[in-house]
PDB file of N, CA and C in Angstrom:
ATOM      1  N   UNK A   1    -151.921  65.506 153.061  1.00  0.00           N
ATOM      2  CA  UNK A   1    -151.046  66.039 153.165  1.00  0.00           C
ATOM      3  C   UNK A   1    -150.817  64.795 152.352  1.00  0.00           C
ATOM      4  N   UNK A   2    -149.244  64.945 151.386  1.00  0.00           N
ATOM      5  CA  UNK A   2    -148.358  64.064 150.615  1.00  0.00           C
ATOM      6  C   UNK A   2    -146.837  64.030 151.079  1.00  0.00           C
ATOM      7  N   UNK A   3    -146.837  62.814 152.069  1.00  0.00           N
ATOM      8  CA  UNK A   3    -145.745  62.545 152.760  1.00  0.00           C
ATOM      9  C   UNK A   3    -144.596  61.802 152.358  1.00  0.00           C
ATOM     10  N   UNK A   4    -144.090  61.769 152.454  1.00  0.00           N
ATOM     11  CA  UNK A   4    -142.008  61.432 152.022  1.00  0.00           C
ATOM     12  C   UNK A   4    -141.325  61.188 153.359  1.00  0.00           C
ATOM     13  N   UNK A   5    -141.466  59.766 153.385  1.00  0.00           N
ATOM     14  CA  UNK A   5    -141.105  59.747 154.910  1.00  0.00           C
ATOM     15  C   UNK A   5    -139.469  59.430 154.968  1.00  0.00           C
ATOM     16  N   UNK A   6    -138.933  59.411 153.753  1.00  0.00           N
ATOM     17  CA  UNK A   6    -137.065  58.891 153.030  1.00  0.00           C
ATOM     18  C   UNK A   6    -136.639  59.978 153.482  1.00  0.00           C
ATOM     19  N   UNK A   7    -137.404  61.503 153.194  1.00  0.00           N
ATOM     20  CA  UNK A   7    -136.948  62.999 153.081  1.00  0.00           C
ATOM     21  C   UNK A   7    -136.325  62.919 154.730  1.00  0.00           C
ATOM     22  N   UNK A   8    -136.514  62.396 155.561  1.00  0.00           N
ATOM     23  CA  UNK A   8    -136.329  63.138 156.629  1.00  0.00           C
ATOM     24  C   UNK A   8    -134.931  63.062 157.344  1.00  0.00           C
ATOM     25  N   UNK A   9    -134.245  64.285 157.477  1.00  0.00           N
ATOM     26  CA  UNK A   9    -132.969  64.697 157.399  1.00  0.00           C
ATOM     27  C   UNK A   9    -132.870  64.277 159.238  1.00  0.00           C
ATOM     28  N   UNK A  10    -132.195  63.435 159.860  1.00  0.00           N
ATOM     29  CA  UNK A  10    -131.051  63.377 160.792  1.00  0.00           C
ATOM     30  C   UNK A  10    -130.175  63.594 160.773  1.00  0.00           C
ATOM     31  N   UNK A  11    -129.355  64.384 162.773  1.00  0.00           N
ATOM     32  CA  UNK A  11    -128.209  64.047 162.576  1.00  0.00           C
ATOM     33  C   UNK A  11    -127.541  64.190 162.967  1.00  0.00           C
ATOM     34  N   UNK A  12    -126.918  63.454 163.819  1.00  0.00           N
ATOM     35  CA  UNK A  12    -125.720  62.923 164.779  1.00  0.00           C
ATOM     36  C   UNK A  12    -125.437  63.928 166.283  1.00  0.00           C
ATOM     37  N   UNK A  13    -125.538  63.739 167.477  1.00  0.00           N
ATOM     38  CA  UNK A  13    -124.158  64.726 168.333  1.00  0.00           C
ATOM     39  C   UNK A  13    -123.340  65.917 168.376  1.00  0.00           C
ATOM     40  N   UNK A  14    -123.304  65.097 167.145  1.00  0.00           N
ATOM     41  CA  UNK A  14    -122.276  66.800 166.084  1.00  0.00           C
ATOM     42  C   UNK A  14    -123.090  67.820 165.782  1.00  0.00           C
ATOM     43  N   UNK A  15    -124.508  67.104 165.264  1.00  0.00           N
ATOM     44  CA  UNK A  15    -124.663  68.086 164.395  1.00  0.00           C
ATOM     45  C   UNK A  15    -124.552  67.955 162.670  1.00  0.00           C
ATOM     46  N   UNK A  16    -124.515  66.574 162.534  1.00  0.00           N
ATOM     47  CA  UNK A  16    -123.703  66.366 161.635  1.00  0.00           C
ATOM     48  C   UNK A  16    -124.751  65.427 161.029  1.00  0.00           C
ATOM     49  N   UNK A  17    -125.647  65.466 159.102  1.00  0.00           N
ATOM     50  CA  UNK A  17    -126.344  65.009 158.732  1.00  0.00           C
ATOM     51  C   UNK A  17    -125.999  63.202 159.021  1.00  0.00           C
ATOM     52  N   UNK A  18    -126.512  63.058 159.499  1.00  0.00           N
ATOM     53  CA  UNK A  18    -126.476  61.066 159.350  1.00  0.00           C
ATOM     54  C   UNK A  18    -126.647  61.084 158.178  1.00  0.00           C
ATOM     55  N   UNK A  19    -126.097  59.724 156.846  1.00  0.00           N
ATOM     56  CA  UNK A  19    -126.092  59.065 156.468  1.00  0.00           C
ATOM     57  C   UNK A  19    -127.204  57.649 156.134  1.00  0.00           C
ATOM     58  N   UNK A  20    -127.757  57.762 155.401  1.00  0.00           N
ATOM     59  CA  UNK A  20    -129.344  56.519 155.783  1.00  0.00           C
ATOM     60  C   UNK A  20    -129.533  56.362 153.945  1.00  0.00           C
ATOM     61  N   UNK A  21    -129.804  54.583 154.325  1.00  0.00           N
ATOM     62  CA  UNK A  21    -130.027  54.658 153.163  1.00  0.00           C
ATOM     63  C   UNK A  21    -131.461  54.360 152.829  1.00  0.00           C
ATOM     64  N   UNK A  22    -132.020  53.889 151.601  1.00  0.00           N
ATOM     65  CA  UNK A  22    -133.527  53.875 151.994  1.00  0.00           C
ATOM     66  C   UNK A  22    -134.015  51.815 152.893  1.00  0.00           C
ATOM     67  N   UNK A  23    -132.317  51.735 152.717  1.00  0.00           N
ATOM     68  CA  UNK A  23    -133.103  50.550 153.276  1.00  0.00           C
ATOM     69  C   UNK A  23    -132.816  50.453 154.970  1.00  0.00           C
ATOM     70  N   UNK A  24    -132.120  51.411 155.252  1.00  0.00           N
ATOM     71  CA  UNK A  24    -131.123  51.351 156.109  1.00  0.00           C
ATOM     72  C   UNK A  24    -132.474  52.804 157.375  1.00  0.00           C
ATOM     73  N   UNK A  25    -133.198  53.412 156.754  1.00  0.00           N
ATOM     74  CA  UNK A  25    -133.654  54.974 157.373  1.00  0.00           C
ATOM     75  C   UNK A  25    -134.858  54.656 158.070  1.00  0.00           C
ATOM     76  N   UNK A  26    -134.862  56.118 158.887  1.00  0.00           N
ATOM     77  CA  UNK A  26    -136.048  56.199 160.052  1.00  0.00           C
ATOM     78  C   UNK A  26    -137.668  55.649 159.187  1.00  0.00           C
ATOM     79  N   UNK A  27    -137.725  55.924 157.759  1.00  0.00           N
ATOM     80  CA  UNK A  27    -139.224  56.064 157.658  1.00  0.00           C
ATOM     81  C   UNK A  27    -139.146  54.677 157.776  1.00  0.00           C
ATOM     82  N   UNK A  28    -138.461  53.388 157.636  1.00  0.00           N
ATOM     83  CA  UNK A  28    -138.229  51.872 158.385  1.00  0.00           C
ATOM     84  C   UNK A  28    -138.998  52.071 159.542  1.00  0.00           C
ATOM     85  N   UNK A  29    -138.313  52.836 160.983  1.00  0.00           N
ATOM     86  CA  UNK A  29    -138.820  52.560 162.278  1.00  0.00           C
ATOM     87  C   UNK A  29    -140.271  53.372 162.288  1.00  0.00           C
ATOM     88  N   UNK A  30    -140.637  53.579 161.898  1.00  0.00           N
ATOM     89  CA  UNK A  30    -142.094  54.442 161.420  1.00  0.00           C
ATOM     90  C   UNK A  30    -143.090  53.754 161.206  1.00  0.00           C
ATOM     91  N   UNK A  31    -142.645  52.974 159.089  1.00  0.00           N
ATOM     92  CA  UNK A  31    -143.661  52.211 159.476  1.00  0.00           C
ATOM     93  C   UNK A  31    -143.565  51.206 160.376  1.00  0.00           C
ATOM     94  N   UNK A  32    -142.961  50.360 160.602  1.00  0.00           N
ATOM     95  CA  UNK A  32    -143.076  49.534 161.705  1.00  0.00           C
ATOM     96  C   UNK A  32    -142.994  49.840 162.959  1.00  0.00           C
ATOM     97  N   UNK A  33    -143.496  51.355 163.563  1.00  0.00           N
ATOM     98  CA  UNK A  33    -144.385  51.613 164.604  1.00  0.00           C
ATOM     99  C   UNK A  33    -145.614  52.171 164.625  1.00  0.00           C
ATOM    100  N   UNK A  34    -145.533  51.756 162.966  1.00  0.00           N
ATOM    101  CA  UNK A  34    -147.400  52.656 162.936  1.00  0.00           C
ATOM    102  C   UNK A  34    -147.745  51.020 162.725  1.00  0.00           C
ATOM    103  N   UNK A  35    -147.433  50.173 161.580  1.00  0.00           N
ATOM    104  CA  UNK A  35    -148.172  48.775 161.448  1.00  0.00           C
ATOM    105  C   UNK A  35    -148.235  47.866 163.120  1.00  0.00           C
ATOM    106  N   UNK A  36    -147.401  48.479 164.277  1.00  0.00           N
ATOM    107  CA  UNK A  36    -147.234  47.475 165.255  1.00  0.00           C
ATOM    108  C   UNK A  36    -148.507  48.191 166.484  1.00  0.00           C
ATOM    109  N   UNK A  37    -148.885  49.883 166.095  1.00  0.00           N
ATOM    110  CA  UNK A  37    -148.873  50.635 167.629  1.00  0.00           C
ATOM    111  C   UNK A  37    -150.282  50.908 167.091  1.00  0.00           C
ATOM    112  N   UNK A  38    -150.491  51.478 165.577  1.00  0.00           N
ATOM    113  CA  UNK A  38    -151.591  52.762 165.595  1.00  0.00           C
ATOM    114  C   UNK A  38    -153.685  51.847 165.773  1.00  0.00           C
ATOM    115  N   UNK A  39    -153.692  52.668 166.243  1.00  0.00           N
ATOM    116  CA  UNK A  39    -155.286  52.160 166.800  1.00  0.00           C
ATOM    117  C   UNK A  39    -156.010  52.427 165.044  1.00  0.00           C
ATOM    118  N   UNK A  40    -155.909  53.785 164.043  1.00  0.00           N
ATOM    119  CA  UNK A  40    -156.853  53.111 163.045  1.00  0.00           C
ATOM    120  C   UNK A  40    -156.464  52.557 161.785  1.00  0.00           C
ATOM    121  N   UNK A  41    -156.415  51.313 161.367  1.00  0.00           N
ATOM    122  CA  UNK A  41    -156.609  51.094 161.069  1.00  0.00           C
ATOM    123  C   UNK A  41    -156.154  50.877 159.425  1.00  0.00           C
ATOM    124  N   UNK A  42    -157.124  52.303 158.680  1.00  0.00           N
ATOM    125  CA  UNK A  42    -155.564  52.613 158.093  1.00  0.00           C
ATOM    126  C   UNK A  42    -155.094  52.806 157.624  1.00  0.00           C
ATOM    127  N   UNK A  43    -154.109  53.023 158.833  1.00  0.00           N
ATOM    128  CA  UNK A  43    -152.727  53.819 158.753  1.00  0.00           C
ATOM    129  C   UNK A  43    -151.792  51.756 158.416  1.00  0.00           C
ATOM    130  N   UNK A  44    -152.554  51.231 158.921  1.00  0.00           N
ATOM    131  CA  UNK A  44    -151.787  49.802 158.280  1.00  0.00           C
ATOM    132  C   UNK A  44    -151.562  49.616 157.002  1.00  0.00           C
ATOM    133  N   UNK A  45    -152.222  50.232 155.893  1.00  0.00           N
ATOM    134  CA  UNK A  45    -151.682  50.210 154.508  1.00  0.00           C
ATOM    135  C   UNK A  45    -150.806  51.159 154.739  1.00  0.00           C
ATOM    136  N   UNK A  46    -150.796  52.230 154.557  1.00  0.00           N
ATOM    137  CA  UNK A  46    -150.257  53.181 155.255  1.00  0.00           C
ATOM    138  C   UNK A  46    -149.114  52.965 155.711  1.00  0.00           C
ATOM    139  N   UNK A  47    -148.714  52.746 156.494  1.00  0.00           N
ATOM    140  CA  UNK A  47    -147.318  51.837 157.082  1.00  0.00           C
ATOM    141  C   UNK A  47    -146.328  50.821 156.246  1.00  0.00           C
ATOM    142  N   UNK A  48    -147.548  50.398 155.813  1.00  0.00           N
ATOM    143  CA  UNK A  48    -146.514  49.490 154.533  1.00  0.00           C
ATOM    144  C   UNK A  48    -145.856  50.459 153.580  1.00  0.00           C
ATOM    145  N   UNK A  49    -146.758  51.385 152.722  1.00  0.00           N
ATOM    146  CA  UNK A  49    -146.371  52.419 151.764  1.00  0.00           C
ATOM    147  C   UNK A  49    -145.543  52.586 152.124  1.00  0.00           C
ATOM    148  N   UNK A  50    -144.742  53.700 153.677  1.00  0.00           N
ATOM    149  CA  UNK A  50    -143.947  54.086 153.897  1.00  0.00           C
ATOM    150  C   UNK A  50    -143.121  53.271 153.654  1.00  0.00           C
ATOM    151  N   UNK A  51    -143.781  51.790 154.537  1.00  0.00           N
ATOM    152  CA  UNK A  51    -141.471  50.530 154.893  1.00  0.00           C
ATOM    153  C   UNK A  51    -141.418  50.192 153.280  1.00  0.00           C
ATOM    154  N   UNK A  52    -142.128  50.530 152.060  1.00  0.00           N
ATOM    155  CA  UNK A  52    -141.240  50.106 150.879  1.00  0.00           C
ATOM    156  C   UNK A  52    -140.522  51.920 150.094  1.00  0.00           C
ATOM    157  N   UNK A  53    -140.835  52.881 151.311  1.00  0.00           N
ATOM    158  CA  UNK A  53    -140.661  54.609 150.861  1.00  0.00           C
ATOM    159  C   UNK A  53    -141.182  55.662 149.812  1.00  0.00           C
ATOM    160  N   UNK A  54    -142.027  54.158 149.559  1.00  0.00           N
ATOM    161  CA  UNK A  54    -142.830  55.451 148.852  1.00  0.00           C
ATOM    162  C   UNK A  54    -143.657  56.962 149.402  1.00  0.00           C
ATOM    163  N   UNK A  55    -144.267  57.585 148.428  1.00  0.00           N
ATOM    164  CA  UNK A  55    -145.180  58.132 148.835  1.00  0.00           C
ATOM    165  C   UNK A  55    -146.350  58.782 149.080  1.00  0.00           C
ATOM    166  N   UNK A  56    -147.129  59.029 150.988  1.00  0.00           N
ATOM    167  CA  UNK A  56    -148.586  58.727 150.836  1.00  0.00           C
ATOM    168  C   UNK A  56    -149.331  59.782 150.570  1.00  0.00           C
ATOM    169  N   UNK A  57    -150.502  59.601 151.283  1.00  0.00           N
ATOM    170  CA  UNK A  57    -151.518  60.699 151.009  1.00  0.00           C
ATOM    171  C   UNK A  57    -151.933  60.506 152.320  1.00  0.00           C
ATOM    172  N   UNK A  58    -151.827  61.571 153.279  1.00  0.00           N
ATOM    173  CA  UNK A  58    -152.765  61.375 154.879  1.00  0.00           C
ATOM    174  C   UNK A  58    -153.018  61.983 154.899  1.00  0.00           C
ATOM    175  N   UNK A  59    -155.270  62.367 155.831  1.00  0.00           N
ATOM    176  CA  UNK A  59    -155.093  62.783 156.048  1.00  0.00           C
ATOM    177  C   UNK A  59    -154.890  63.774 157.437  1.00  0.00           C
ATOM    178  N   UNK A  60    -155.313  64.709 157.815  1.00  0.00           N
ATOM    179  CA  UNK A  60    -155.347  65.449 158.872  1.00  0.00           C
ATOM    180  C   UNK A  60    -155.304  64.011 160.498  1.00  0.00           C
ATOM    181  N   UNK A  61    -155.971  63.403 160.307  1.00  0.00           N
ATOM    182  CA  UNK A  61    -156.552  62.513 161.264  1.00  0.00           C
ATOM    183  C   UNK A  61    -155.247  61.597 161.058  1.00  0.00           C
ATOM    184  N   UNK A  62    -154.610  60.853 160.066  1.00  0.00           N
ATOM    185  CA  UNK A  62    -153.245  60.125 160.080  1.00  0.00           C
ATOM    186  C   UNK A  62    -152.656  60.433 160.701  1.00  0.00           C
ATOM    187  N   UNK A  63    -152.336  62.219 160.476  1.00  0.00           N
ATOM    188  CA  UNK A  63    -150.740  62.742 160.631  1.00  0.00           C
ATOM    189  C   UNK A  63    -151.223  62.714 162.491  1.00  0.00           C
ATOM    190  N   UNK A  64    -152.390  62.897 162.900  1.00  0.00           N
ATOM    191  CA  UNK A  64    -152.368  63.491 164.155  1.00  0.00           C
ATOM    192  C   UNK A  64    -152.475  62.016 165.474  1.00  0.00           C
ATOM    193  N   UNK A  65    -152.377  61.014 164.287  1.00  0.00           N
ATOM    194  CA  UNK A  65    -151.802  59.592 165.205  1.00  0.00           C
ATOM    195  C   UNK A  65    -150.648  59.995 164.936  1.00  0.00           C
ATOM    196  N   UNK A  66    -150.261  60.028 163.602  1.00  0.00           N
ATOM    197  CA  UNK A  66    -148.736  59.401 163.952  1.00  0.00           C
ATOM    198  C   UNK A  66    -147.768  60.092 165.065  1.00  0.00           C
ATOM    199  N   UNK A  67    -148.265  61.684 164.958  1.00  0.00           N
ATOM    200  CA  UNK A  67    -147.930  62.368 166.003  1.00  0.00           C
ATOM    201  C   UNK A  67    -148.074  61.758 167.277  1.00  0.00           C
ATOM    202  N   UNK A  68    -149.199  61.589 168.198  1.00  0.00           N
ATOM    203  CA  UNK A  68    -149.225  60.764 168.574  1.00  0.00           C
ATOM    204  C   UNK A  68    -148.671  59.632 169.298  1.00  0.00           C
ATOM    205  N   UNK A  69    -148.298  58.930 168.331  1.00  0.00           N
ATOM    206  CA  UNK A  69    -147.524  57.477 167.898  1.00  0.00           C
ATOM    207  C   UNK A  69    -146.184  58.440 168.732  1.00  0.00           C
ATOM    208  N   UNK A  70    -145.493  58.901 167.561  1.00  0.00           N
ATOM    209  CA  UNK A  70    -144.634  59.260 167.927  1.00  0.00           C
ATOM    210  C   UNK A  70    -144.432  59.943 169.271  1.00  0.00           C
ATOM    211  N   UNK A  71    -144.921  60.192 169.449  1.00  0.00           N
ATOM    212  CA  UNK A  71    -144.721  61.245 170.802  1.00  0.00           C
ATOM    213  C   UNK A  71    -145.323  59.784 171.659  1.00  0.00           C
ATOM    214  N   UNK A  72    -145.145  59.090 171.971  1.00  0.00           N
ATOM    215  CA  UNK A  72    -145.460  57.986 173.382  1.00  0.00           C
ATOM    216  C   UNK A  72    -144.653  58.121 173.973  1.00  0.00           C
ATOM    217  N   UNK A  73    -144.752  58.692 174.952  1.00  0.00           N
ATOM    218  CA  UNK A  73    -143.850  58.018 175.848  1.00  0.00           C
ATOM    219  C   UNK A  73    -142.779  56.869 176.398  1.00  0.00           C
ATOM    220  N   UNK A  74    -143.360  55.460 176.104  1.00  0.00           N
ATOM    221  CA  UNK A  74    -142.961  54.210 176.338  1.00  0.00           C
ATOM    222  C   UNK A  74    -142.597  53.632 174.917  1.00  0.00           C
ATOM    223  N   UNK A  75    -143.769  53.640 173.475  1.00  0.00           N
ATOM    224  CA  UNK A  75    -143.967  53.004 172.708  1.00  0.00           C
ATOM    225  C   UNK A  75    -142.566  53.537 171.393  1.00  0.00           C
ATOM    226  N   UNK A  76    -143.030  55.474 172.181  1.00  0.00           N
ATOM    227  CA  UNK A  76    -142.547  56.249 170.326  1.00  0.00           C
ATOM    228  C   UNK A  76    -141.035  56.266 169.925  1.00  0.00           C
ATOM    229  N   UNK A  77    -140.898  57.285 169.416  1.00  0.00           N
ATOM    230  CA  UNK A  77    -139.530  57.235 168.977  1.00  0.00           C
ATOM    231  C   UNK A  77    -138.258  57.624 170.093  1.00  0.00           C
ATOM    232  N   UNK A  78    -136.634  57.933 170.143  1.00  0.00           N
ATOM    233  CA  UNK A  78    -136.153  58.595 170.168  1.00  0.00           C
ATOM    234  C   UNK A  78    -136.168  59.667 169.826  1.00  0.00           C
ATOM    235  N   UNK A  79    -135.425  60.434 171.106  1.00  0.00           N
ATOM    236  CA  UNK A  79    -135.755  61.700 171.413  1.00  0.00           C
ATOM    237  C   UNK A  79    -135.166  62.683 169.728  1.00  0.00           C
ATOM    238  N   UNK A  80    -134.046  62.450 169.080  1.00  0.00           N
ATOM    239  CA  UNK A  80    -133.008  62.882 168.038  1.00  0.00           C
ATOM    240  C   UNK A  80    -134.401  62.670 166.950  1.00  0.00           C
ATOM    241  N   UNK A  81    -134.461  61.107 166.543  1.00  0.00           N
ATOM    242  CA  UNK A  81    -135.564  61.014 165.982  1.00  0.00           C
ATOM    243  C   UNK A  81    -137.018  61.763 165.458  1.00  0.00           C
ATOM    244  N   UNK A  82    -137.584  61.553 166.856  1.00  0.00           N
ATOM    245  CA  UNK A  82    -138.825  62.122 167.286  1.00  0.00           C
ATOM    246  C   UNK A  82    -138.666  64.234 166.460  1.00  0.00           C
ATOM    247  N   UNK A  83    -138.128  64.531 166.769  1.00  0.00           N
ATOM    248  CA  UNK A  83    -136.978  66.233 166.875  1.00  0.00           C
ATOM    249  C   UNK A  83    -137.237  66.330 164.863  1.00  0.00           C
ATOM    250  N   UNK A  84    -136.119  65.674 164.651  1.00  0.00           N
ATOM    251  CA  UNK A  84    -136.842  65.208 163.075  1.00  0.00           C
ATOM    252  C   UNK A  84    -137.512  64.566 162.512  1.00  0.00           C
ATOM    253  N   UNK A  85    -138.438  63.809 162.827  1.00  0.00           N
ATOM    254  CA  UNK A  85    -139.541  63.587 162.275  1.00  0.00           C
ATOM    255  C   UNK A  85    -140.871  64.518 162.562  1.00  0.00           C
ATOM    256  N   UNK A  86    -141.237  65.308 163.199  1.00  0.00           N
ATOM    257  CA  UNK A  86    -141.484  66.205 163.658  1.00  0.00           C
ATOM    258  C   UNK A  86    -141.509  67.532 162.748  1.00  0.00           C
ATOM    259  N   UNK A  87    -140.357  67.947 162.677  1.00  0.00           N
ATOM    260  CA  UNK A  87    -139.934  69.099 161.976  1.00  0.00           C
ATOM    261  C   UNK A  87    -140.493  68.087 161.065  1.00  0.00           C
ATOM    262  N   UNK A  88    -140.116  67.131 160.836  1.00  0.00           N
ATOM    263  CA  UNK A  88    -140.599  67.179 159.016  1.00  0.00           C
ATOM    264  C   UNK A  88    -141.814  67.257 158.248  1.00  0.00           C
ATOM    265  N   UNK A  89    -142.673  67.139 159.157  1.00  0.00           N
ATOM    266  CA  UNK A  89    -144.473  66.667 159.494  1.00  0.00           C
ATOM    267  C   UNK A  89    -144.366  68.331 159.316  1.00  0.00           C
ATOM    268  N   UNK A  90    -144.097  69.008 160.123  1.00  0.00           N
ATOM    269  CA  UNK A  90    -144.970  70.435 160.693  1.00  0.00           C
ATOM    270  C   UNK A  90    -144.252  70.911 160.113  1.00  0.00           C
ATOM    271  N   UNK A  91    -142.953  71.785 158.797  1.00  0.00           N
ATOM    272  CA  UNK A  91    -142.663  71.419 157.895  1.00  0.00           C
ATOM    273  C   UNK A  91    -143.979  71.367 156.651  1.00  0.00           C
ATOM    274  N   UNK A  92    -144.294  70.057 156.151  1.00  0.00           N
ATOM    275  CA  UNK A  92    -145.065  69.844 154.785  1.00  0.00           C
ATOM    276  C   UNK A  92    -146.374  70.612 155.591  1.00  0.00           C
ATOM    277  N   UNK A  93    -146.967  70.166 156.948  1.00  0.00           N
ATOM    278  CA  UNK A  93    -148.204  70.511 156.798  1.00  0.00           C
ATOM    279  C   UNK A  93    -148.086  72.624 157.195  1.00  0.00           C
ATOM    280  N   UNK A  94    -147.125  73.144 157.536  1.00  0.00           N
ATOM    281  CA  UNK A  94    -146.709  74.319 157.372  1.00  0.00           C
ATOM    282  C   UNK A  94    -147.141  75.102 155.357  1.00  0.00           C
ATOM    283  N   UNK A  95    -146.414  73.712 154.570  1.00  0.00           N
ATOM    284  CA  UNK A  95    -147.034  74.872 153.065  1.00  0.00           C
ATOM    285  C   UNK A  95    -148.198  74.030 152.841  1.00  0.00           C
ATOM    286  N   UNK A  96    -148.648  73.260 153.788  1.00  0.00           N
ATOM    287  CA  UNK A  96    -150.058  73.083 153.011  1.00  0.00           C
ATOM    288  C   UNK A  96    -151.765  73.962 153.851  1.00  0.00           C
ATOM    289  N   UNK A  97    -150.472  74.670 154.715  1.00  0.00           N
ATOM    290  CA  UNK A  97    -151.028  75.582 154.832  1.00  0.00           C
ATOM    291  C   UNK A  97    -151.304  77.246 154.057  1.00  0.00           C
ATOM    292  N   UNK A  98    -150.162  77.509 153.101  1.00  0.00           N
ATOM    293  CA  UNK A  98    -149.511  78.739 152.787  1.00  0.00           C
ATOM    294  C   UNK A  98    -150.057  78.238 151.523  1.00  0.00           C
ATOM    295  N   UNK A  99    -150.642  77.096 150.660  1.00  0.00           N
ATOM    296  CA  UNK A  99    -151.243  76.456 149.701  1.00  0.00           C
ATOM    297  C   UNK A  99    -152.043  76.468 149.656  1.00  0.00           C
ATOM    298  N   UNK A 100    -152.944  75.775 150.623  1.00  0.00           N
ATOM    299  CA  UNK A 100    -154.339  76.185 151.216  1.00  0.00           C
ATOM    300  C   UNK A 100    -155.200  78.039 150.969  1.00  0.00           C
ATOM    301  N   UNK A 101    -154.221  78.970 151.937  1.00  0.00           N
ATOM    302  CA  UNK A 101    -154.042  80.175 151.507  1.00  0.00           C
ATOM    303  C   UNK A 101    -154.689  80.815 150.623  1.00  0.00           C
ATOM    304  N   UNK A 102    -153.189  80.442 149.642  1.00  0.00           N
ATOM    305  CA  UNK A 102    -152.700  81.045 148.733  1.00  0.00           C
ATOM    306  C   UNK A 102    -154.400  80.925 147.180  1.00  0.00           C
ATOM    307  N   UNK A 103    -155.116  79.474 148.153  1.00  0.00           N
ATOM    308  CA  UNK A 103    -156.032  79.140 146.544  1.00  0.00           C
ATOM    309  C   UNK A 103    -157.000  80.234 147.406  1.00  0.00           C
ATOM    310  N   UNK A 104    -157.318  79.994 148.327  1.00  0.00           N
ATOM    311  CA  UNK A 104    -158.292  80.532 148.380  1.00  0.00           C
ATOM    312  C   UNK A 104    -158.923  82.179 148.366  1.00  0.00           C
ATOM    313  N   UNK A 105    -157.653  82.244 147.614  1.00  0.00           N
ATOM    314  CA  UNK A 105    -157.766  84.060 147.602  1.00  0.00           C
ATOM    315  C   UNK A 105    -158.134  84.125 146.074  1.00  0.00           C
ATOM    316  N   UNK A 106    -159.589  85.586 146.044  1.00  0.00           N
ATOM    317  CA  UNK A 106    -160.283  85.920 145.541  1.00  0.00           C
ATOM    318  C   UNK A 106    -159.270  86.165 144.190  1.00  0.00           C
ATOM    319  N   UNK A 107    -160.237  85.885 143.269  1.00  0.00           N
ATOM    320  CA  UNK A 107    -158.881  86.872 141.589  1.00  0.00           C
ATOM    321  C   UNK A 107    -159.784  87.771 141.398  1.00  0.00           C
ATOM    322  N   UNK A 108    -159.001  88.772 141.074  1.00  0.00           N
ATOM    323  CA  UNK A 108    -160.087  89.749 140.302  1.00  0.00           C
ATOM    324  C   UNK A 108    -159.935  89.784 139.209  1.00  0.00           C
ATOM    325  N   UNK A 109    -161.473  89.699 138.964  1.00  0.00           N
ATOM    326  CA  UNK A 109    -161.559  89.622 136.787  1.00  0.00           C
ATOM    327  C   UNK A 109    -162.539  90.411 136.531  1.00  0.00           C
ATOM    328  N   UNK A 110    -162.218  91.272 135.248  1.00  0.00           N
ATOM    329  CA  UNK A 110    -163.132  92.644 135.128  1.00  0.00           C
ATOM    330  C   UNK A 110    -164.102  92.546 136.038  1.00  0.00           C
ATOM    331  N   UNK A 111    -165.056  92.374 136.131  1.00  0.00           N
ATOM    332  CA  UNK A 111    -166.126  91.642 135.937  1.00  0.00           C
ATOM    333  C   UNK A 111    -166.305  92.104 137.953  1.00  0.00           C
ATOM    334  N   UNK A 112    -165.431  91.937 138.632  1.00  0.00           N
ATOM    335  CA  UNK A 112    -165.359  92.228 140.221  1.00  0.00           C
ATOM    336  C   UNK A 112    -164.356  93.784 140.420  1.00  0.00           C
ATOM    337  N   UNK A 113    -163.961  94.199 138.821  1.00  0.00           N
ATOM    338  CA  UNK A 113    -163.291  95.339 140.030  1.00  0.00           C
ATOM    339  C   UNK A 113    -164.861  96.674 139.241  1.00  0.00           C
ATOM    340  N   UNK A 114    -164.700  97.535 140.925  1.00  0.00           N
ATOM    341  CA  UNK A 114    -165.550  98.911 140.580  1.00  0.00           C
ATOM    342  C   UNK A 114    -165.181 100.213 139.955  1.00  0.00           C
ATOM    343  N   UNK A 115    -165.487 100.486 139.462  1.00  0.00           N
ATOM    344  CA  UNK A 115    -165.321 101.373 138.618  1.00  0.00           C
ATOM    345  C   UNK A 115    -165.394 102.602 139.231  1.00  0.00           C
ATOM    346  N   UNK A 116    -164.586 102.958 139.293  1.00  0.00           N
ATOM    347  CA  UNK A 116    -164.392 104.470 140.397  1.00  0.00           C
ATOM    348  C   UNK A 116    -164.901 105.614 139.026  1.00  0.00           C
ATOM    349  N   UNK A 117    -165.603 106.424 139.762  1.00  0.00           N
ATOM    350  CA  UNK A 117    -166.305 107.589 139.143  1.00  0.00           C
ATOM    351  C   UNK A 117    -165.466 108.787 140.086  1.00  0.00           C
ATOM    352  N   UNK A 118    -165.216 109.645 138.596  1.00  0.00           N
ATOM    353  CA  UNK A 118    -164.315 110.106 138.954  1.00  0.00           C
ATOM    354  C   UNK A 118    -165.183 111.502 139.113  1.00  0.00           C
TER     355      UNK A 118
END
C-alpha cells in the first residue's frame, strides 16, 4: 500500500488541527523511530524515504511492524500522535480493501449472460 505520512493530521488538546511543516512533521518522528527500532531491515530504507517526506510503498508485513512500533509502550509514540497515525493507516488500509473488492467483482460480458427462454 502507498503511504504518505506527511498527510497525517494531528490535533491539539482543544481539537484544532496542529500546524506542521515538512521539516517538523510527525513523519520525521515516525521515520526516526522506524530507523532506530525496527526488526525488519527493509524498514530502514523505507524510514529514510519517509524522513524525506516521500510516498512509500509498504507491504502488509511492514505496516504490521510499523503499528507494533507505534504501539510499543516504552518506545512508541505519544498517545495523540499514535491515535492520529493509526487512524491514518487504518483509513488507507480500508481504502485498499475496498479497491481490492471492486477489482475482484466479475465483469458481465455478453458471453457470460445467460439467455432466458420464454
